[in-house]
Amino acid sequence: MEKRDFDKGAESYDLKPGRVKLAQDVVKAIIKEVKLTRDMDVLDFGCGTGLVTLQLQPFVRTITGVDSSHGMLDVLKAKIEEQKLTNVKTEFIDMEKGHVLKGSFHLIISSMTLHHVQDLGYLLRQFYNRLLSGGLLCIADLDSDGSEFHSDKTGVVHAGFERSDLHRLFNRCGFHDVRDVTAARVVKDLSDGRAREFTVFLMTGRK
């Protein structure tokens, strides 16, 4: 499958109000579901321009934004410098090129990234290995959408997820106390003129 070039449009990525609102809703859900503390080290996988990363930054000790797009990370780096943040760093990782996650974390989050990942089991096991004992994984992504959410389907591997399927995958990869809530609702105008509501879940699991 053709890989989406996230470097293109990175500079204008934050200009879509719906995208910013979705990140805000995901952060609200994370704050509600997870007890964030100032001694937590956090990994944001597929951080993009840091729409989620920077909203969580005030509540934790450190947060590392990981992405496979240099363009997205450049935008995030500029925000970090502009805001003079000392507890946020970025890291380029492209798993399709054999890169692996490094470090140890109390919390790993990933928002709207999983539907671009082919081998979900491999990724979840990497998350599990990087979490400290008792650490939490938080995944925000689309409920099954019938392939209607993305007008440009380049790089989209999964048409959303059945929560029960992802729940079982969490369990198979070692996570327990797996829960899910609806984090956001997004209304989009489709190419055939219909307006449809899509839901985004937040699923959490503990190591």
C-alpha atoms as a PDB file:
ATOM      1  CA  MET A   1       0.000   0.000   0.000  1.00  0.00           C
ATOM      2  CA  GLU A   2       1.195   3.505  -0.838  1.00  0.00           C
ATOM      3  CA  LYS A   3       2.418   5.382   2.209  1.00  0.00           C
ATOM      4  CA  ARG A   4       0.942   8.795   2.907  1.00  0.00           C
ATOM      5  CA  ASP A   5       3.414  11.664   2.789  1.00  0.00           C
ATOM      6  CA  PHE A   6       2.741  13.541   6.022  1.00  0.00           C
ATOM      7  CA  ASP A   7       5.585  15.963   5.301  1.00  0.00           C
ATOM      8  CA  LYS A   8       3.333  17.602   2.722  1.00  0.00           C
ATOM      9  CA  GLY A   9       0.931  19.912   4.462  1.00  0.00           C
ATOM     10  CA  ALA A  10       2.691  19.709   7.836  1.00  0.00           C
ATOM     11  CA  GLU A  11       2.936  23.509   7.990  1.00  0.00           C
ATOM     12  CA  SER A  12      -0.842  23.876   7.528  1.00  0.00           C
ATOM     13  CA  TYR A  13      -1.843  20.766   9.502  1.00  0.00           C
ATOM     14  CA  ASP A  14      -3.166  22.720  12.492  1.00  0.00           C
ATOM     15  CA  LEU A  15      -5.353  25.026  10.404  1.00  0.00           C
ATOM     16  CA  LYS A  16      -8.322  22.642  10.332  1.00  0.00           C
ATOM     17  CA  PRO A  17     -10.541  23.503  13.341  1.00  0.00           C
ATOM     18  CA  GLY A  18     -12.028  20.001  13.394  1.00  0.00           C
ATOM     19  CA  ARG A  19      -8.565  18.475  13.766  1.00  0.00           C
ATOM     20  CA  VAL A  20      -7.731  20.757  16.683  1.00  0.00           C
ATOM     21  CA  LYS A  21     -11.115  20.080  18.338  1.00  0.00           C
ATOM     22  CA  LEU A  22     -10.589  16.310  18.015  1.00  0.00           C
ATOM     23  CA  ALA A  23      -7.210  16.576  19.755  1.00  0.00           C
ATOM     24  CA  GLN A  24      -8.797  18.633  22.541  1.00  0.00           C
ATOM     25  CA  ASP A  25     -11.527  16.025  23.019  1.00  0.00           C
ATOM     26  CA  VAL A  26      -8.981  13.188  23.131  1.00  0.00           C
ATOM     27  CA  VAL A  27      -6.934  15.050  25.750  1.00  0.00           C
ATOM     28  CA  LYS A  28     -10.053  15.619  27.870  1.00  0.00           C
ATOM     29  CA  ALA A  29     -10.790  11.888  27.712  1.00  0.00           C
ATOM     30  CA  ILE A  30      -7.211  11.000  28.679  1.00  0.00           C
ATOM     31  CA  ILE A  31      -7.297  13.396  31.644  1.00  0.00           C
ATOM     32  CA  LYS A  32     -10.605  11.869  32.756  1.00  0.00           C
ATOM     33  CA  GLU A  33      -9.462   8.250  32.398  1.00  0.00           C
ATOM     34  CA  VAL A  34      -5.842   8.527  33.571  1.00  0.00           C
ATOM     35  CA  LYS A  35      -4.483  10.053  36.756  1.00  0.00           C
ATOM     36  CA  LEU A  36      -1.710  12.220  35.340  1.00  0.00           C
ATOM     37  CA  THR A  37       1.072  13.185  37.742  1.00  0.00           C
ATOM     38  CA  ARG A  38       4.193  15.317  37.592  1.00  0.00           C
ATOM     39  CA  ASP A  39       6.441  12.278  38.030  1.00  0.00           C
ATOM     40  CA  MET A  40       5.233  10.590  34.815  1.00  0.00           C
ATOM     41  CA  ASP A  41       7.314  10.110  31.690  1.00  0.00           C
ATOM     42  CA  VAL A  42       5.070   9.882  28.627  1.00  0.00           C
ATOM     43  CA  LEU A  43       5.466   8.779  25.006  1.00  0.00           C
ATOM     44  CA  ASP A  44       3.146  10.159  22.312  1.00  0.00           C
ATOM     45  CA  PHE A  45       3.424   7.827  19.312  1.00  0.00           C
ATOM     46  CA  GLY A  46       2.431   9.398  16.000  1.00  0.00           C
ATOM     47  CA  CYS A  47       2.471  12.821  17.620  1.00  0.00           C
ATOM     48  CA  GLY A  48       2.250  14.823  14.392  1.00  0.00           C
ATOM     49  CA  THR A  49       2.509  18.525  15.143  1.00  0.00           C
ATOM     50  CA  GLY A  50       1.975  17.932  18.863  1.00  0.00           C
ATOM     51  CA  LEU A  51      -1.709  18.822  19.151  1.00  0.00           C
ATOM     52  CA  VAL A  52      -2.110  16.223  21.907  1.00  0.00           C
ATOM     53  CA  THR A  53       1.488  16.267  23.153  1.00  0.00           C
ATOM     54  CA  LEU A  54       1.551  19.915  24.141  1.00  0.00           C
ATOM     55  CA  GLN A  55      -1.810  19.824  25.904  1.00  0.00           C
ATOM     56  CA  LEU A  56      -0.588  17.000  28.151  1.00  0.00           C
ATOM     57  CA  GLN A  57       2.821  18.572  28.771  1.00  0.00           C
ATOM     58  CA  PRO A  58       1.814  20.691  31.816  1.00  0.00           C
ATOM     59  CA  PHE A  59       0.542  17.640  33.702  1.00  0.00           C
ATOM     60  CA  VAL A  60       3.567  15.302  33.407  1.00  0.00           C
ATOM     61  CA  ARG A  61       7.316  15.276  34.031  1.00  0.00           C
ATOM     62  CA  THR A  62       8.430  14.603  30.452  1.00  0.00           C
ATOM     63  CA  ILE A  63       6.739  13.806  27.176  1.00  0.00           C
ATOM     64  CA  THR A  64       8.444  12.499  24.049  1.00  0.00           C
ATOM     65  CA  GLY A  65       6.751  13.025  20.693  1.00  0.00           C
ATOM     66  CA  VAL A  66       7.572  10.289  18.197  1.00  0.00           C
ATOM     67  CA  ASP A  67       6.663  10.421  14.524  1.00  0.00           C
ATOM     68  CA  SER A  68       7.777   9.093  11.131  1.00  0.00           C
ATOM     69  CA  SER A  69       7.391  12.519   9.468  1.00  0.00           C
ATOM     70  CA  HIS A  70      10.289  14.965   9.667  1.00  0.00           C
ATOM     71  CA  GLY A  71       7.928  17.728   8.536  1.00  0.00           C
ATOM     72  CA  MET A  72       5.498  17.151  11.389  1.00  0.00           C
ATOM     73  CA  LEU A  73       8.318  16.977  13.928  1.00  0.00           C
ATOM     74  CA  ASP A  74       9.818  20.223  12.596  1.00  0.00           C
ATOM     75  CA  VAL A  75       6.514  21.987  13.317  1.00  0.00           C
ATOM     76  CA  LEU A  76       6.445  20.521  16.823  1.00  0.00           C
ATOM     77  CA  LYS A  77      10.084  21.508  17.433  1.00  0.00           C
ATOM     78  CA  ALA A  78       9.251  25.090  16.472  1.00  0.00           C
ATOM     79  CA  LYS A  79       6.391  25.130  18.988  1.00  0.00           C
ATOM     80  CA  ILE A  80       8.663  23.733  21.708  1.00  0.00           C
ATOM     81  CA  GLU A  81      11.236  26.471  21.049  1.00  0.00           C
ATOM     82  CA  GLU A  82       8.610  29.201  20.827  1.00  0.00           C
ATOM     83  CA  GLN A  83       7.023  28.153  24.131  1.00  0.00           C
ATOM     84  CA  LYS A  84      10.460  27.535  25.724  1.00  0.00           C
ATOM     85  CA  LEU A  85       9.414  24.095  26.948  1.00  0.00           C
ATOM     86  CA  THR A  86      12.056  22.026  28.695  1.00  0.00           C
ATOM     87  CA  ASN A  87      10.137  18.793  29.305  1.00  0.00           C
ATOM     88  CA  VAL A  88       9.166  17.990  25.692  1.00  0.00           C
ATOM     89  CA  LYS A  89      11.417  16.320  23.155  1.00  0.00           C
ATOM     90  CA  THR A  90      10.953  14.776  19.722  1.00  0.00           C
ATOM     91  CA  GLU A  91      12.239  11.632  18.085  1.00  0.00           C
ATOM     92  CA  PHE A  92      12.045  10.416  14.489  1.00  0.00           C
ATOM     93  CA  ILE A  93      11.097   6.745  14.277  1.00  0.00           C
ATOM     94  CA  ASP A  94       9.916   4.916  11.175  1.00  0.00           C
ATOM     95  CA  MET A  95       9.068   1.320  12.000  1.00  0.00           C
ATOM     96  CA  GLU A  96       8.751   0.452   8.335  1.00  0.00           C
ATOM     97  CA  LYS A  97      12.490   1.113   8.163  1.00  0.00           C
ATOM     98  CA  GLY A  98      13.174  -1.184  11.101  1.00  0.00           C
ATOM     99  CA  HIS A  99      13.359   1.477  13.799  1.00  0.00           C
ATOM    100  CA  VAL A 100      12.329   0.436  17.306  1.00  0.00           C
ATOM    101  CA  LEU A 101      11.045   2.353  20.276  1.00  0.00           C
ATOM    102  CA  LYS A 102      13.469   3.162  23.069  1.00  0.00           C
ATOM    103  CA  GLY A 103      13.146   4.319  26.658  1.00  0.00           C
ATOM    104  CA  SER A 104      10.854   3.494  29.567  1.00  0.00           C
ATOM    105  CA  PHE A 105       7.533   5.218  30.168  1.00  0.00           C
ATOM    106  CA  HIS A 106       4.703   5.376  32.683  1.00  0.00           C
ATOM    107  CA  LEU A 107       2.179   6.214  29.947  1.00  0.00           C
ATOM    108  CA  ILE A 108       2.097   5.701  26.185  1.00  0.00           C
ATOM    109  CA  ILE A 109      -0.543   7.461  24.112  1.00  0.00           C
ATOM    110  CA  SER A 110      -1.352   7.335  20.424  1.00  0.00           C
ATOM    111  CA  SER A 111      -4.131   9.344  18.800  1.00  0.00           C
ATOM    112  CA  MET A 112      -5.496   8.674  15.294  1.00  0.00           C
ATOM    113  CA  THR A 113      -2.384   6.751  14.286  1.00  0.00           C
ATOM    114  CA  LEU A 114      -3.299   3.080  14.614  1.00  0.00           C
ATOM    115  CA  HIS A 115      -5.414   3.027  11.437  1.00  0.00           C
ATOM    116  CA  HIS A 116      -2.204   3.756   9.474  1.00  0.00           C
ATOM    117  CA  VAL A 117      -0.347   0.758  11.002  1.00  0.00           C
ATOM    118  CA  GLN A 118      -0.303  -2.611   9.238  1.00  0.00           C
ATOM    119  CA  ASP A 119       0.975  -4.878  12.022  1.00  0.00           C
ATOM    120  CA  LEU A 120      -0.947  -3.835  15.100  1.00  0.00           C
ATOM    121  CA  GLY A 121       0.240  -6.748  17.229  1.00  0.00           C
ATOM    122  CA  TYR A 122       3.891  -5.865  16.644  1.00  0.00           C
ATOM    123  CA  LEU A 123       3.261  -2.236  17.594  1.00  0.00           C
ATOM    124  CA  LEU A 124       1.284  -3.072  20.742  1.00  0.00           C
ATOM    125  CA  ARG A 125       4.012  -5.475  21.877  1.00  0.00           C
ATOM    126  CA  GLN A 126       6.578  -2.697  21.393  1.00  0.00           C
ATOM    127  CA  PHE A 127       4.396  -0.431  23.521  1.00  0.00           C
ATOM    128  CA  TYR A 128       4.132  -3.143  26.182  1.00  0.00           C
ATOM    129  CA  ASN A 129       7.906  -3.599  26.264  1.00  0.00           C
ATOM    130  CA  ARG A 130       8.529   0.132  26.682  1.00  0.00           C
ATOM    131  CA  LEU A 131       6.045   0.562  29.527  1.00  0.00           C
ATOM    132  CA  LEU A 132       7.149   0.367  33.126  1.00  0.00           C
ATOM    133  CA  SER A 133       5.344  -2.155  35.332  1.00  0.00           C
ATOM    134  CA  GLY A 134       1.852  -0.837  36.024  1.00  0.00           C
ATOM    135  CA  GLY A 135       2.118   1.612  33.128  1.00  0.00           C
ATOM    136  CA  LEU A 136      -0.801   2.509  30.903  1.00  0.00           C
ATOM    137  CA  LEU A 137      -1.408   2.465  27.149  1.00  0.00           C
ATOM    138  CA  CYS A 138      -4.040   4.855  25.748  1.00  0.00           C
ATOM    139  CA  ILE A 139      -5.136   4.484  22.141  1.00  0.00           C
ATOM    140  CA  ALA A 140      -7.565   6.915  20.504  1.00  0.00           C
ATOM    141  CA  ASP A 141      -8.878   5.977  17.088  1.00  0.00           C
ATOM    142  CA  LEU A 142     -11.939   5.583  14.914  1.00  0.00           C
ATOM    143  CA  ASP A 143     -14.757   3.179  15.452  1.00  0.00           C
ATOM    144  CA  SER A 144     -15.477   1.170  12.283  1.00  0.00           C
ATOM    145  CA  ASP A 145     -16.327   3.775   9.668  1.00  0.00           C
ATOM    146  CA  GLY A 146     -17.097   1.837   6.469  1.00  0.00           C
ATOM    147  CA  SER A 147     -14.109   3.568   4.824  1.00  0.00           C
ATOM    148  CA  GLU A 148     -15.980   6.879   4.789  1.00  0.00           C
ATOM    149  CA  PHE A 149     -13.990   9.003   7.233  1.00  0.00           C
ATOM    150  CA  HIS A 150     -10.966   9.629   5.000  1.00  0.00           C
ATOM    151  CA  SER A 151     -11.563  11.308   1.656  1.00  0.00           C
ATOM    152  CA  ASP A 152      -7.908  10.576   0.853  1.00  0.00           C
ATOM    153  CA  LYS A 153      -7.356   6.940   1.728  1.00  0.00           C
ATOM    154  CA  THR A 154      -3.616   6.937   0.964  1.00  0.00           C
ATOM    155  CA  GLY A 155      -1.866   5.116   3.788  1.00  0.00           C
ATOM    156  CA  VAL A 156      -5.114   4.171   5.527  1.00  0.00           C
ATOM    157  CA  VAL A 157      -4.798   0.485   6.418  1.00  0.00           C
ATOM    158  CA  HIS A 158      -7.847   0.042   8.663  1.00  0.00           C
ATOM    159  CA  ALA A 159     -11.360   1.463   8.180  1.00  0.00           C
ATOM    160  CA  GLY A 160     -11.648   2.124  11.886  1.00  0.00           C
ATOM    161  CA  PHE A 161     -11.843  -0.640  14.477  1.00  0.00           C
ATOM    162  CA  GLU A 162     -14.327  -2.839  16.266  1.00  0.00           C
ATOM    163  CA  ARG A 163     -13.623  -2.143  19.907  1.00  0.00           C
ATOM    164  CA  SER A 164     -14.100  -5.804  20.856  1.00  0.00           C
ATOM    165  CA  ASP A 165     -11.416  -6.870  18.345  1.00  0.00           C
ATOM    166  CA  LEU A 166      -8.937  -4.305  19.650  1.00  0.00           C
ATOM    167  CA  HIS A 167      -9.803  -5.242  23.220  1.00  0.00           C
ATOM    168  CA  ARG A 168      -8.838  -8.867  22.495  1.00  0.00           C
ATOM    169  CA  LEU A 169      -5.607  -7.740  20.828  1.00  0.00           C
ATOM    170  CA  PHE A 170      -4.713  -5.697  23.913  1.00  0.00           C
ATOM    171  CA  ASN A 171      -5.218  -8.834  26.004  1.00  0.00           C
ATOM    172  CA  ARG A 172      -3.148 -11.018  23.670  1.00  0.00           C
ATOM    173  CA  CYS A 173      -0.274  -8.534  23.899  1.00  0.00           C
ATOM    174  CA  GLY A 174      -0.295  -8.733  27.701  1.00  0.00           C
ATOM    175  CA  PHE A 175      -2.467  -5.791  28.743  1.00  0.00           C
ATOM    176  CA  HIS A 176      -5.118  -6.152  31.430  1.00  0.00           C
ATOM    177  CA  ASP A 177      -7.841  -3.942  32.890  1.00  0.00           C
ATOM    178  CA  VAL A 178      -8.705  -2.958  29.302  1.00  0.00           C
ATOM    179  CA  ARG A 179     -11.464  -0.351  29.057  1.00  0.00           C
ATOM    180  CA  ASP A 180     -12.880   1.956  26.414  1.00  0.00           C
ATOM    181  CA  VAL A 181     -14.938   5.137  26.304  1.00  0.00           C
ATOM    182  CA  THR A 182     -16.177   7.365  23.516  1.00  0.00           C
ATOM    183  CA  ALA A 183     -13.741  10.272  23.425  1.00  0.00           C
ATOM    184  CA  ALA A 184     -15.063  12.367  20.546  1.00  0.00           C
ATOM    185  CA  ARG A 185     -17.748  12.729  17.915  1.00  0.00           C
ATOM    186  CA  VAL A 186     -16.854  14.182  14.523  1.00  0.00           C
ATOM    187  CA  VAL A 187     -19.371  15.259  11.881  1.00  0.00           C
ATOM    188  CA  LYS A 188     -18.046  15.283   8.336  1.00  0.00           C
ATOM    189  CA  ASP A 189     -19.636  16.130   4.983  1.00  0.00           C
ATOM    190  CA  LEU A 190     -19.171  13.192   2.619  1.00  0.00           C
ATOM    191  CA  SER A 191     -18.603  13.318  -1.131  1.00  0.00           C
ATOM    192  CA  ASP A 192     -22.203  12.264  -1.808  1.00  0.00           C
ATOM    193  CA  GLY A 193     -23.554  15.229   0.129  1.00  0.00           C
ATOM    194  CA  ARG A 194     -24.421  13.366   3.317  1.00  0.00           C
ATOM    195  CA  ALA A 195     -23.326  14.579   6.718  1.00  0.00           C
ATOM    196  CA  ARG A 196     -22.220  11.682   8.920  1.00  0.00           C
ATOM    197  CA  GLU A 197     -21.168  11.473  12.539  1.00  0.00           C
ATOM    198  CA  PHE A 198     -18.087   9.403  13.318  1.00  0.00           C
ATOM    199  CA  THR A 199     -17.041   8.371  16.806  1.00  0.00           C
ATOM    200  CA  VAL A 200     -13.532   8.143  18.219  1.00  0.00           C
ATOM    201  CA  PHE A 201     -12.842   5.847  21.158  1.00  0.00           C
ATOM    202  CA  LEU A 202     -10.176   5.934  23.835  1.00  0.00           C
ATOM    203  CA  MET A 203      -9.020   2.464  24.871  1.00  0.00           C
ATOM    204  CA  THR A 204      -6.773   1.994  27.880  1.00  0.00           C
ATOM    205  CA  GLY A 205      -4.846  -1.047  29.070  1.00  0.00           C
ATOM    206  CA  ARG A 206      -2.427  -1.614  31.920  1.00  0.00           C
ATOM    207  CA  LYS A 207       0.869  -3.540  31.926  1.00  0.00           C
END
